[in-house]
Amino acid sequence: MDTTAKATSGKRLRYGGNVRISEDPEVLDGKTGEIRRLERGITRQKEDVAALAERLGGEIVEWYEENDTSAFKKKRIRLPNGRSVWRVIRPEFRRMLADYEDGKIDGIIFYDLDRLTRQNRDLEDLIDLVEFFKRPVESVTGQLDLRTSGGRTMARVLVAMANKASEDTARRVARARLQKAQEGQGRRFNAKRRPFGYNEDGSINPAEAELVRSAVRRFLAGESWSGLVKYFQASGIPPVLARFWYLSSVRQMLVTPSVAGIAVYNGVLRKENEEGVRRSRYIDPEATALKDAAGRYIMAPWEPLVSVAEWEQVVAEQVRRVEGQTFTGMGTKKHLLSGLLRCGCIREDGSVCNRSLTGSVRKYKSGGSTTNYKCPSKVQGGCGGVSRSTRKLDELAEDLLFAHIAANAPASAEPDTDASTEQDPDAQALAEVRRRLEKMRQGYGAGTVSDETFFATVPALEAQEKKLKAAVKKTEQARSGEALLRRSPQQIRKEWEEASMAGKRAILGQYLQAIIISPSAARGSNFDHSAVRPIWKAIG
């Protein structure tokens, strides 16, 4: 039965009203002190939709409100088979289609087609239902009947045009946000959005700032991220919004360039984001730091919590940890060999356990205690098969280290000048890439290079720069290893005696890959030295 027939039969049509607005501004309610949305656009649309329903001889029995909801922006959805799709998430729109299919409403009234949808996928889902059920879909601003072939064709054309307009707008908005970030306007300071370490007016919060600075010092001294989370939690200073501190939030706060007062941009105009490159759990913080035409960091107007040099040290240390160049982990400040020891027990299936041994303290009723390195239990993923005295194993590791150093001591401490002055091809290529980057940035700053050319070229050059920096760093590490071989045992012994726990761990890490601890053949309190097998790094 069509609309006219229903209206003349005396039965009022039951319409569903769809109203949507992409962005609804927030205001502070002077009476309650709460932040609320204005909802003015939604209110105007509802009035016009209700008036049209009355003219058509019906009434709105259900509203499908999408306040502050985009019909264009997509989100990644993981399918059960592990694959991904990108969809616009609109629960109210989907609920409306379900009610239309189930007959809970006799038709749909929306304000305008670009309010209804800006995605052909959503439009086709609605068209499929209209073609089958033949119920009306009306708009306030124009006559568009999806029950006819011409109406459906026109709707598809209009939605495609609206989608193109959204893409153009998104590009302009992205460019404006990049400009704001370059001008240091990308950070919000208010009661709801203030960054940790700052007050609502943008001034530094002394207690929070000192906590951040202390955390940076601890991280550079060898503290693990898990240890820092406990440190933040024990401080009694809560996060700005969350109830608890989490590893991801602590790590992000310390590695973000803004902690050093550097302007940050991680929007769609970054090459990685434009191309949809899948992010790993660690994103290079330097890539989000904005630079000027000369390649210098763009400093934001807020006061930094730490210096640029300290931030760069944090980033470098994080890179080393991610790449496995350091063996820091939980408890590394308490025990010398934490993270370095591996269990050599053979499991029932013939495989080697190879779990890291951790330090544990056993207390006795008499008041005494012993500290051992132990393989975790089977419940914790280990085998629980080996345990060694922390003191004895630390002393043995020190003896093994200096015996190894003495056995590989250089015949001469003179540096190899040929190796140190040899030209590195990667270093030369890096210099050339940096020259091209500087030229491109200067052209962009002078206005002779367009936005399209700049953002299509510079990210690729920066990616090359990053790869070449890693290659140069690897070469420098190799030369550093050669330099290690030229240091005398006396020099290293002096450094060892003066070093802190973190410093001694660093020295061990220069020479040792791991120490394998096998089951002891000795009985009682006798220490089986043969069950301890060091794995030395190949240096030089």
Protein backbone atom coordinates (compact mmCIF):
# COMPACT_ATOMS: atom_id res chain seq x y z
CA MET A 1 0.00 0.00 0.00
CA ASP A 2 1.44 3.43 -0.96
CA THR A 3 1.55 6.62 1.10
CA THR A 4 -1.62 8.13 -0.30
CA ALA A 5 -3.63 4.99 0.35
CA LYS A 6 -2.52 4.81 3.95
CA ALA A 7 -3.26 8.47 4.53
CA THR A 8 -6.76 8.28 3.05
CA SER A 9 -7.58 5.05 4.89
CA GLY A 10 -7.51 6.94 8.17
CA LYS A 11 -4.37 5.25 9.51
CA ARG A 12 -1.64 7.67 10.45
CA LEU A 13 1.74 6.71 9.02
CA ARG A 14 4.42 5.78 11.52
CA TYR A 15 7.63 7.46 10.37
CA GLY A 16 11.14 7.20 11.67
CA GLY A 17 12.95 10.52 11.72
CA ASN A 18 16.66 10.60 10.90
CA VAL A 19 18.60 13.71 11.94
CA ARG A 20 22.38 14.08 11.93
CA ILE A 21 25.05 16.71 12.43
CA SER A 22 28.79 16.09 11.99
CA GLU A 23 30.11 18.40 14.69
CA ASP A 24 28.22 19.80 17.64
CA PRO A 25 30.21 22.38 19.66
CA GLU A 26 30.63 22.01 23.41
CA VAL A 27 29.82 24.79 25.89
CA LEU A 28 30.25 25.17 29.64
CA ASP A 29 26.91 25.27 31.46
CA GLY A 30 27.07 28.23 33.84
CA LYS A 31 24.50 26.72 36.20
CA THR A 32 25.74 23.15 36.55
CA GLY A 33 29.39 23.66 35.62
CA GLU A 34 29.17 20.72 33.23
CA ILE A 35 30.27 20.62 29.60
CA ARG A 36 27.34 19.95 27.25
CA ARG A 37 26.60 20.08 23.52
CA LEU A 38 24.42 22.79 22.00
CA GLU A 39 22.39 20.43 19.74
CA ARG A 40 21.02 23.44 17.83
CA GLY A 41 21.44 21.81 14.40
CA ILE A 42 19.67 18.65 15.54
CA THR A 43 16.80 20.67 17.05
CA ARG A 44 16.17 22.59 13.82
CA GLN A 45 16.24 19.40 11.73
CA LYS A 46 13.77 17.65 14.06
CA GLU A 47 11.30 20.52 13.80
CA ASP A 48 11.34 20.40 9.97
CA VAL A 49 11.16 16.59 9.84
CA ALA A 50 8.18 16.52 12.24
CA ALA A 51 6.40 19.19 10.18
CA LEU A 52 6.83 17.14 6.97
CA ALA A 53 5.49 14.03 8.69
CA GLU A 54 2.36 15.97 9.67
CA ARG A 55 1.85 17.20 6.11
CA LEU A 56 2.14 13.62 4.83
CA GLY A 57 -0.59 12.50 7.20
CA GLY A 58 1.68 10.74 9.68
CA GLU A 59 3.76 11.23 12.79
CA ILE A 60 7.29 10.53 13.99
CA VAL A 61 7.15 7.49 16.25
CA GLU A 62 10.90 6.98 16.56
CA TRP A 63 13.86 9.34 16.29
CA TYR A 64 17.25 8.18 15.05
CA GLU A 65 19.48 10.98 16.29
CA GLU A 66 23.13 11.11 15.25
CA ASN A 67 24.45 14.13 17.06
CA ASP A 68 28.15 14.90 16.49
CA THR A 69 28.38 11.90 14.14
CA SER A 70 30.30 11.80 10.87
CA ALA A 71 28.84 10.02 7.83
CA PHE A 72 32.26 10.12 6.13
CA LYS A 73 35.03 9.11 8.55
CA LYS A 74 35.82 5.41 8.54
CA LYS A 75 37.19 3.13 11.24
CA ARG A 76 39.04 -0.11 10.91
CA ILE A 77 37.02 -3.23 11.73
CA ARG A 78 38.67 -6.60 12.33
CA LEU A 79 36.71 -9.49 10.85
CA PRO A 80 36.51 -12.96 12.50
CA ASN A 81 38.83 -14.38 9.81
CA GLY A 82 41.53 -11.84 10.78
CA ARG A 83 41.02 -9.59 7.76
CA SER A 84 40.17 -5.89 8.04
CA VAL A 85 37.50 -3.67 6.52
CA TRP A 86 36.95 0.07 6.86
CA ARG A 87 33.43 1.22 7.68
CA VAL A 88 31.62 4.34 8.84
CA ILE A 89 30.30 3.49 12.30
CA ARG A 90 26.67 4.69 12.64
CA PRO A 91 24.70 2.57 15.15
CA GLU A 92 21.56 4.72 14.90
CA PHE A 93 21.51 4.52 11.10
CA ARG A 94 21.78 0.73 11.29
CA ARG A 95 19.04 0.59 13.93
CA MET A 96 16.81 2.63 11.59
CA LEU A 97 17.39 0.19 8.71
CA ALA A 98 16.56 -2.74 11.01
CA ASP A 99 13.29 -1.10 12.18
CA TYR A 100 12.37 -0.32 8.56
CA GLU A 101 12.92 -3.96 7.59
CA ASP A 102 11.01 -5.29 10.61
CA GLY A 103 8.02 -3.00 9.98
CA LYS A 104 8.33 -1.05 13.21
CA ILE A 105 8.12 2.10 11.09
CA ASP A 106 6.15 2.66 7.87
CA GLY A 107 8.76 4.94 6.31
CA ILE A 108 11.72 7.22 6.87
CA ILE A 109 11.94 11.00 6.79
CA PHE A 110 15.34 12.65 6.73
CA TYR A 111 16.37 16.29 6.39
CA ASP A 112 18.66 16.16 3.35
CA LEU A 113 20.51 13.42 1.46
CA ASP A 114 23.95 14.56 2.62
CA ARG A 115 22.62 14.37 6.21
CA LEU A 116 21.34 10.85 5.57
CA THR A 117 24.59 9.43 4.16
CA ARG A 118 27.83 10.26 2.39
CA GLN A 119 28.83 6.69 1.67
CA ASN A 120 27.54 4.71 -1.32
CA ARG A 121 27.76 1.54 0.76
CA ASP A 122 25.20 2.88 3.26
CA LEU A 123 22.98 4.20 0.48
CA GLU A 124 22.93 0.84 -1.32
CA ASP A 125 21.90 -0.93 1.89
CA LEU A 126 18.91 1.44 2.16
CA ILE A 127 18.07 1.10 -1.55
CA ASP A 128 17.98 -2.70 -1.25
CA LEU A 129 15.36 -2.44 1.52
CA VAL A 130 13.27 0.16 -0.33
CA GLU A 131 13.25 -1.92 -3.53
CA PHE A 132 11.93 -4.93 -1.61
CA PHE A 133 9.50 -3.38 0.91
CA LYS A 134 8.34 -0.35 -1.16
CA ARG A 135 7.92 1.84 1.92
CA PRO A 136 8.47 5.59 1.47
CA VAL A 137 11.72 7.43 2.20
CA GLU A 138 11.15 11.19 2.14
CA SER A 139 13.41 14.24 2.53
CA VAL A 140 12.61 17.73 3.82
CA THR A 141 14.72 19.59 1.24
CA GLY A 142 13.71 17.84 -1.99
CA GLN A 143 11.70 15.20 -3.81
CA LEU A 144 13.83 12.06 -4.04
CA ASP A 145 11.89 8.81 -4.42
CA LEU A 146 14.13 5.77 -3.96
CA ARG A 147 11.32 3.54 -5.22
CA THR A 148 11.95 4.70 -8.80
CA SER A 149 14.94 4.00 -11.03
CA GLY A 150 15.48 7.70 -11.71
CA GLY A 151 15.35 8.54 -8.00
CA ARG A 152 17.89 5.85 -7.14
CA THR A 153 20.25 6.97 -9.92
CA MET A 154 20.06 10.61 -8.81
CA ALA A 155 20.65 9.58 -5.19
CA ARG A 156 23.80 7.68 -6.16
CA VAL A 157 25.13 10.69 -8.07
CA LEU A 158 24.40 13.11 -5.21
CA VAL A 159 26.01 10.81 -2.61
CA ALA A 160 29.13 10.46 -4.78
CA MET A 161 29.33 14.26 -5.05
CA ALA A 162 28.84 14.63 -1.29
CA ASN A 163 31.60 12.08 -0.65
CA LYS A 164 33.96 14.05 -2.93
CA ALA A 165 33.09 17.26 -1.08
CA SER A 166 33.89 15.54 2.24
CA GLU A 167 37.27 14.43 0.92
CA ASP A 168 38.07 17.98 -0.23
CA THR A 169 36.98 19.39 3.12
CA ALA A 170 39.02 16.81 5.03
CA ARG A 171 42.10 17.78 3.04
CA ARG A 172 41.60 21.49 3.78
CA VAL A 173 40.99 20.78 7.46
CA ALA A 174 44.13 18.60 7.61
CA ARG A 175 46.18 21.38 6.02
CA ALA A 176 44.79 23.90 8.50
CA ARG A 177 45.61 21.58 11.42
CA LEU A 178 49.15 21.16 10.13
CA GLN A 179 49.52 24.94 9.97
CA LYS A 180 48.19 25.26 13.52
CA ALA A 181 50.65 22.61 14.70
CA GLN A 182 53.49 24.46 12.96
CA GLU A 183 52.42 27.59 14.82
CA GLY A 184 52.30 25.70 18.12
CA GLN A 185 48.50 25.88 18.47
CA GLY A 186 47.80 22.17 18.44
CA ARG A 187 47.67 21.66 22.21
CA ARG A 188 44.64 22.38 24.37
CA PHE A 189 44.91 23.61 27.94
CA ASN A 190 41.65 23.37 29.87
CA ALA A 191 40.06 21.37 32.66
CA LYS A 192 39.21 18.50 30.33
CA ARG A 193 42.18 18.36 27.98
CA ARG A 194 45.23 19.70 29.81
CA PRO A 195 48.42 17.62 29.34
CA PHE A 196 49.98 16.03 32.40
CA GLY A 197 52.61 18.36 33.85
CA TYR A 198 50.70 21.55 33.05
CA ASN A 199 47.89 23.55 34.66
CA GLU A 200 44.72 24.57 32.89
CA ASP A 201 46.22 27.95 31.92
CA GLY A 202 49.27 26.32 30.30
CA SER A 203 51.67 27.01 33.17
CA ILE A 204 53.80 24.19 34.58
CA ASN A 205 52.43 22.13 37.45
CA PRO A 206 55.52 21.78 39.71
CA ALA A 207 54.65 18.42 41.30
CA GLU A 208 53.65 16.73 38.02
CA ALA A 209 56.58 18.23 36.12
CA GLU A 210 59.10 16.97 38.68
CA LEU A 211 57.53 13.50 38.47
CA VAL A 212 58.06 13.50 34.68
CA ARG A 213 61.67 14.71 35.01
CA SER A 214 62.41 12.10 37.65
CA ALA A 215 60.89 9.40 35.42
CA VAL A 216 63.17 10.48 32.55
CA ARG A 217 66.24 10.20 34.80
CA ARG A 218 65.12 6.76 35.99
CA PHE A 219 64.49 5.52 32.45
CA LEU A 220 67.92 6.67 31.27
CA ALA A 221 69.46 4.96 34.32
CA GLY A 222 67.96 1.63 33.26
CA GLU A 223 64.48 1.58 34.82
CA SER A 224 61.97 -0.51 32.87
CA TRP A 225 58.62 0.82 31.66
CA SER A 226 56.86 -1.50 34.10
CA GLY A 227 58.97 -0.09 36.90
CA LEU A 228 58.08 3.45 35.87
CA VAL A 229 54.37 2.63 35.92
CA LYS A 230 54.75 1.45 39.53
CA TYR A 231 56.74 4.60 40.28
CA PHE A 232 53.98 6.84 38.91
CA GLN A 233 51.32 4.87 40.76
CA ALA A 234 53.26 5.03 44.04
CA SER A 235 53.71 8.81 43.71
CA GLY A 236 50.05 9.37 44.57
CA ILE A 237 49.68 11.81 41.65
CA PRO A 238 46.88 10.56 39.37
CA PRO A 239 46.66 10.97 35.57
CA VAL A 240 44.58 13.84 34.22
CA LEU A 241 41.62 11.71 33.09
CA ALA A 242 42.22 8.03 33.90
CA ARG A 243 42.06 6.43 37.33
CA PHE A 244 45.28 4.46 36.99
CA TRP A 245 48.62 4.73 35.23
CA TYR A 246 49.21 2.37 32.31
CA LEU A 247 52.43 1.40 30.53
CA SER A 248 51.25 2.79 27.19
CA SER A 249 50.32 6.18 28.64
CA VAL A 250 53.59 6.54 30.57
CA ARG A 251 55.68 5.55 27.55
CA GLN A 252 53.79 7.85 25.19
CA MET A 253 54.14 10.78 27.60
CA LEU A 254 57.93 10.43 27.88
CA VAL A 255 58.70 9.79 24.19
CA THR A 256 56.37 12.40 22.67
CA PRO A 257 58.29 15.45 21.35
CA SER A 258 55.90 17.85 23.11
CA VAL A 259 57.43 16.93 26.48
CA ALA A 260 60.49 18.84 25.26
CA GLY A 261 58.41 21.73 23.93
CA ILE A 262 58.56 20.57 20.30
CA ALA A 263 55.50 21.04 18.07
CA VAL A 264 53.95 17.71 17.06
CA TYR A 265 51.94 16.61 14.02
CA ASN A 266 50.69 13.08 13.38
CA GLY A 267 47.79 13.82 11.02
CA VAL A 268 46.77 12.50 7.62
CA LEU A 269 49.31 14.59 5.72
CA ARG A 270 52.10 12.43 7.07
CA LYS A 271 53.12 10.05 4.30
CA GLU A 272 52.71 6.96 6.48
CA ASN A 273 49.14 7.94 7.36
CA GLU A 274 48.22 8.85 3.77
CA GLU A 275 49.41 5.46 2.54
CA GLY A 276 47.75 3.60 5.42
CA VAL A 277 50.98 2.08 6.70
CA ARG A 278 50.21 -0.29 9.57
CA ARG A 279 51.53 1.07 12.83
CA SER A 280 53.65 -1.06 15.08
CA ARG A 281 53.52 -0.80 18.85
CA TYR A 282 56.41 1.62 18.66
CA ILE A 283 56.10 4.69 16.44
CA ASP A 284 59.24 6.69 15.79
CA PRO A 285 58.64 9.85 17.87
CA GLU A 286 61.08 11.86 15.75
CA ALA A 287 58.77 11.40 12.74
CA THR A 288 55.99 13.32 14.52
CA ALA A 289 58.26 16.20 15.55
CA LEU A 290 57.76 19.19 13.26
CA LYS A 291 60.79 20.82 11.66
CA ASP A 292 61.28 24.10 9.83
CA ALA A 293 62.74 24.66 6.37
CA ALA A 294 66.27 24.29 7.74
CA GLY A 295 65.45 20.98 9.46
CA ARG A 296 65.40 22.47 12.96
CA TYR A 297 62.73 21.51 15.47
CA ILE A 298 59.77 23.90 15.61
CA MET A 299 59.41 24.88 19.25
CA ALA A 300 55.90 25.35 20.63
CA PRO A 301 54.90 28.31 22.84
CA TRP A 302 54.53 26.23 26.02
CA GLU A 303 57.44 25.71 28.44
CA PRO A 304 59.12 22.29 28.08
CA LEU A 305 59.25 19.79 30.93
CA VAL A 306 62.63 18.40 29.84
CA SER A 307 65.35 19.57 27.48
CA VAL A 308 65.52 18.52 23.83
CA ALA A 309 68.78 16.69 24.57
CA GLU A 310 67.13 14.65 27.35
CA TRP A 311 64.18 13.79 25.10
CA GLU A 312 66.53 12.65 22.33
CA GLN A 313 68.33 10.43 24.86
CA VAL A 314 64.98 8.89 25.89
CA VAL A 315 64.10 8.20 22.23
CA ALA A 316 67.52 6.67 21.56
CA GLU A 317 67.25 4.46 24.64
CA GLN A 318 63.74 3.35 23.64
CA VAL A 319 65.02 2.42 20.16
CA ARG A 320 67.81 0.35 21.71
CA ARG A 321 65.33 -1.51 23.88
CA VAL A 322 62.89 -2.17 21.04
CA GLU A 323 65.69 -3.44 18.81
CA GLY A 324 66.95 -5.69 21.60
CA GLN A 325 70.28 -3.89 22.00
CA THR A 326 69.86 -3.71 25.75
CA PHE A 327 68.64 -6.44 28.10
CA THR A 328 66.81 -4.18 30.52
CA GLY A 329 63.64 -5.57 32.09
CA MET A 330 61.70 -5.78 35.30
CA GLY A 331 63.97 -5.79 38.35
CA THR A 332 67.06 -4.73 36.42
CA LYS A 333 68.02 -2.19 39.06
CA LYS A 334 67.94 -4.80 41.83
CA HIS A 335 70.05 -7.58 40.33
CA LEU A 336 73.17 -7.44 38.19
CA LEU A 337 72.33 -10.32 35.85
CA SER A 338 68.56 -9.94 35.46
CA GLY A 339 67.56 -10.51 31.84
CA LEU A 340 70.97 -11.97 30.96
CA LEU A 341 70.62 -15.43 32.48
CA ARG A 342 68.93 -18.25 30.54
CA CYS A 343 67.74 -21.62 31.81
CA GLY A 344 69.58 -24.54 30.13
CA CYS A 345 67.30 -27.32 31.38
CA ILE A 346 66.02 -29.85 28.84
CA ARG A 347 62.24 -30.20 28.83
CA GLU A 348 60.37 -33.50 28.44
CA ASP A 349 59.87 -32.86 24.72
CA GLY A 350 63.62 -32.43 24.23
CA SER A 351 63.59 -28.64 23.83
CA VAL A 352 65.68 -26.23 25.92
CA CYS A 353 63.73 -24.17 28.46
CA ASN A 354 65.64 -20.93 27.68
CA ARG A 355 63.52 -18.80 30.05
CA SER A 356 65.09 -15.78 31.74
CA LEU A 357 66.08 -16.33 35.35
CA THR A 358 64.71 -13.76 37.76
CA GLY A 359 65.92 -12.69 41.19
CA SER A 360 63.79 -13.82 44.12
CA VAL A 361 64.13 -13.40 47.88
CA ARG A 362 63.31 -16.22 50.29
CA LYS A 363 62.69 -15.12 53.88
CA TYR A 364 62.97 -17.43 56.89
CA LYS A 365 61.07 -17.40 60.17
CA SER A 366 64.34 -16.78 61.97
CA GLY A 367 64.57 -13.42 60.26
CA GLY A 368 67.24 -14.29 57.71
CA SER A 369 66.84 -14.46 53.95
CA THR A 370 68.56 -15.68 50.80
CA THR A 371 68.43 -14.25 47.28
CA ASN A 372 68.62 -16.53 44.27
CA TYR A 373 68.26 -16.36 40.50
CA LYS A 374 65.48 -18.82 39.64
CA CYS A 375 63.80 -20.15 36.53
CA PRO A 376 60.05 -19.40 36.71
CA SER A 377 57.71 -22.27 37.58
CA LYS A 378 55.81 -24.25 34.95
CA VAL A 379 52.69 -22.19 35.69
CA GLN A 380 54.68 -19.06 34.77
CA GLY A 381 56.03 -20.58 31.55
CA GLY A 382 59.37 -21.82 32.81
CA CYS A 383 60.43 -25.18 34.18
CA GLY A 384 61.58 -24.26 37.67
CA GLY A 385 64.60 -26.50 37.20
CA VAL A 386 67.52 -24.23 38.19
CA SER A 387 68.27 -21.88 41.04
CA ARG A 388 71.58 -20.20 41.89
CA SER A 389 72.83 -17.93 44.64
CA THR A 390 72.68 -14.32 43.47
CA ARG A 391 75.91 -13.36 45.26
CA LYS A 392 77.92 -16.33 43.98
CA LEU A 393 76.66 -16.01 40.41
CA ASP A 394 77.35 -12.25 40.34
CA GLU A 395 80.91 -12.84 41.54
CA LEU A 396 81.45 -15.62 38.99
CA ALA A 397 80.10 -13.43 36.17
CA GLU A 398 82.56 -10.70 37.12
CA ASP A 399 85.45 -13.18 37.16
CA LEU A 400 84.42 -14.62 33.79
CA LEU A 401 84.12 -11.14 32.30
CA PHE A 402 87.62 -10.03 33.21
CA ALA A 403 89.14 -13.38 32.32
CA HIS A 404 87.59 -12.96 28.87
CA ILE A 405 88.83 -9.37 28.61
CA ALA A 406 92.35 -10.40 29.63
CA ALA A 407 92.39 -13.27 27.12
CA ASN A 408 91.37 -10.90 24.33
CA ALA A 409 93.46 -7.92 25.43
CA PRO A 410 95.00 -5.93 22.54
CA ALA A 411 98.67 -6.15 21.81
CA SER A 412 98.66 -2.37 21.41
CA ALA A 413 96.29 0.29 22.60
CA GLU A 414 97.00 2.50 19.60
CA PRO A 415 93.86 3.34 17.63
CA ASP A 416 93.45 2.09 14.08
CA THR A 417 93.56 5.41 12.22
CA ASP A 418 92.84 3.82 8.84
CA ALA A 419 89.57 2.31 10.09
CA SER A 420 88.48 5.53 11.81
CA THR A 421 89.08 7.70 8.75
CA GLU A 422 87.65 5.30 6.16
CA GLN A 423 84.78 6.80 4.19
CA ASP A 424 81.44 5.09 4.85
CA PRO A 425 79.19 4.88 1.72
CA ASP A 426 76.08 4.99 3.91
CA ALA A 427 77.35 8.15 5.60
CA GLN A 428 77.92 9.74 2.20
CA ALA A 429 74.42 8.76 1.05
CA LEU A 430 72.98 10.11 4.30
CA ALA A 431 74.68 13.45 3.73
CA GLU A 432 73.20 13.62 0.21
CA VAL A 433 69.67 12.81 1.44
CA ARG A 434 69.96 15.46 4.13
CA ARG A 435 71.13 17.97 1.52
CA ARG A 436 68.06 17.23 -0.61
CA LEU A 437 65.80 17.46 2.43
CA GLU A 438 67.23 20.86 3.36
CA LYS A 439 66.78 22.09 -0.22
CA MET A 440 63.16 20.89 -0.29
CA ARG A 441 62.40 22.49 3.09
CA GLN A 442 63.98 25.76 2.03
CA GLY A 443 61.89 25.75 -1.16
CA TYR A 444 58.75 25.05 0.82
CA GLY A 445 59.56 27.84 3.25
CA ALA A 446 60.17 30.24 0.37
CA GLY A 447 56.93 29.23 -1.36
CA THR A 448 58.60 27.79 -4.48
CA VAL A 449 57.58 24.21 -3.58
CA SER A 450 53.85 23.38 -3.47
CA ASP A 451 52.09 21.49 -0.67
CA GLU A 452 51.50 18.50 -2.96
CA THR A 453 55.16 18.27 -4.02
CA PHE A 454 56.44 18.79 -0.47
CA PHE A 455 54.26 16.14 1.17
CA ALA A 456 54.80 13.68 -1.67
CA THR A 457 58.60 13.99 -1.60
CA VAL A 458 59.76 14.84 1.91
CA PRO A 459 58.27 11.79 3.73
CA ALA A 460 60.06 9.45 1.27
CA LEU A 461 63.33 11.29 1.84
CA GLU A 462 62.82 11.18 5.59
CA ALA A 463 62.24 7.40 5.34
CA GLN A 464 65.55 7.08 3.43
CA GLU A 465 67.22 9.25 6.05
CA LYS A 466 65.95 6.98 8.82
CA LYS A 467 67.23 3.80 7.09
CA LEU A 468 70.62 5.36 6.38
CA LYS A 469 70.91 6.61 9.94
CA ALA A 470 70.35 3.04 11.14
CA ALA A 471 72.99 1.74 8.72
CA VAL A 472 75.50 4.40 9.81
CA LYS A 473 74.73 3.62 13.43
CA LYS A 474 75.39 -0.07 12.81
CA THR A 475 78.77 0.77 11.26
CA GLU A 476 79.61 3.01 14.20
CA GLN A 477 78.69 0.21 16.60
CA ALA A 478 81.02 -2.15 14.75
CA ARG A 479 83.83 0.38 15.01
CA SER A 480 82.91 0.88 18.64
CA GLY A 481 83.34 -2.86 19.12
CA GLU A 482 86.77 -2.62 17.58
CA ALA A 483 87.52 0.23 19.96
CA LEU A 484 86.45 -2.02 22.84
CA LEU A 485 89.13 -4.51 21.86
CA ARG A 486 91.74 -1.76 22.07
CA ARG A 487 90.86 -0.84 25.65
CA SER A 488 93.16 -2.30 28.29
CA PRO A 489 91.84 -4.56 31.08
CA GLN A 490 93.05 -1.93 33.56
CA GLN A 491 90.86 0.75 31.96
CA ILE A 492 87.78 -1.47 32.04
CA ARG A 493 88.47 -2.57 35.63
CA LYS A 494 88.64 1.08 36.71
CA GLU A 495 85.32 1.82 34.97
CA TRP A 496 83.75 -1.24 36.61
CA GLU A 497 84.82 -0.26 40.11
CA GLU A 498 83.43 3.28 39.68
CA ALA A 499 80.20 2.25 37.92
CA SER A 500 76.71 2.05 39.39
CA MET A 501 74.54 -1.05 38.98
CA ALA A 502 73.25 0.29 35.64
CA GLY A 503 76.81 1.07 34.55
CA LYS A 504 78.04 -2.43 35.37
CA ARG A 505 75.11 -3.91 33.45
CA ALA A 506 76.07 -1.74 30.49
CA ILE A 507 79.64 -3.07 30.59
CA LEU A 508 78.37 -6.66 30.77
CA GLY A 509 76.08 -5.97 27.82
CA GLN A 510 79.05 -4.90 25.69
CA TYR A 511 80.64 -8.35 25.96
CA LEU A 512 77.96 -10.89 26.91
CA GLN A 513 75.08 -12.17 24.80
CA ALA A 514 73.72 -14.44 27.53
CA ILE A 515 74.77 -16.81 30.32
CA ILE A 516 73.34 -20.34 30.16
CA ILE A 517 72.66 -21.94 33.56
CA SER A 518 72.37 -25.73 33.42
CA PRO A 519 71.34 -28.10 36.23
CA SER A 520 74.10 -28.48 38.81
CA ALA A 521 75.98 -31.77 39.18
CA ALA A 522 77.32 -30.73 42.61
CA ARG A 523 75.60 -31.65 45.84
CA GLY A 524 74.74 -29.53 48.83
CA SER A 525 76.07 -25.99 48.99
CA ASN A 526 78.89 -26.64 46.50
CA PHE A 527 78.75 -24.29 43.50
CA ASP A 528 79.05 -26.06 40.13
CA HIS A 529 81.05 -23.68 37.93
CA SER A 530 80.83 -26.04 34.97
CA ALA A 531 77.07 -25.55 34.82
CA VAL A 532 77.57 -21.86 33.97
CA ARG A 533 78.30 -21.18 30.28
CA PRO A 534 78.79 -17.61 29.04
CA ILE A 535 77.86 -16.71 25.43
CA TRP A 536 80.22 -13.94 24.31
CA LYS A 537 79.41 -11.36 21.68
CA ALA A 538 81.52 -11.32 18.53
CA ILE A 539 83.32 -7.97 18.66
CA GLY A 540 85.54 -6.62 15.95
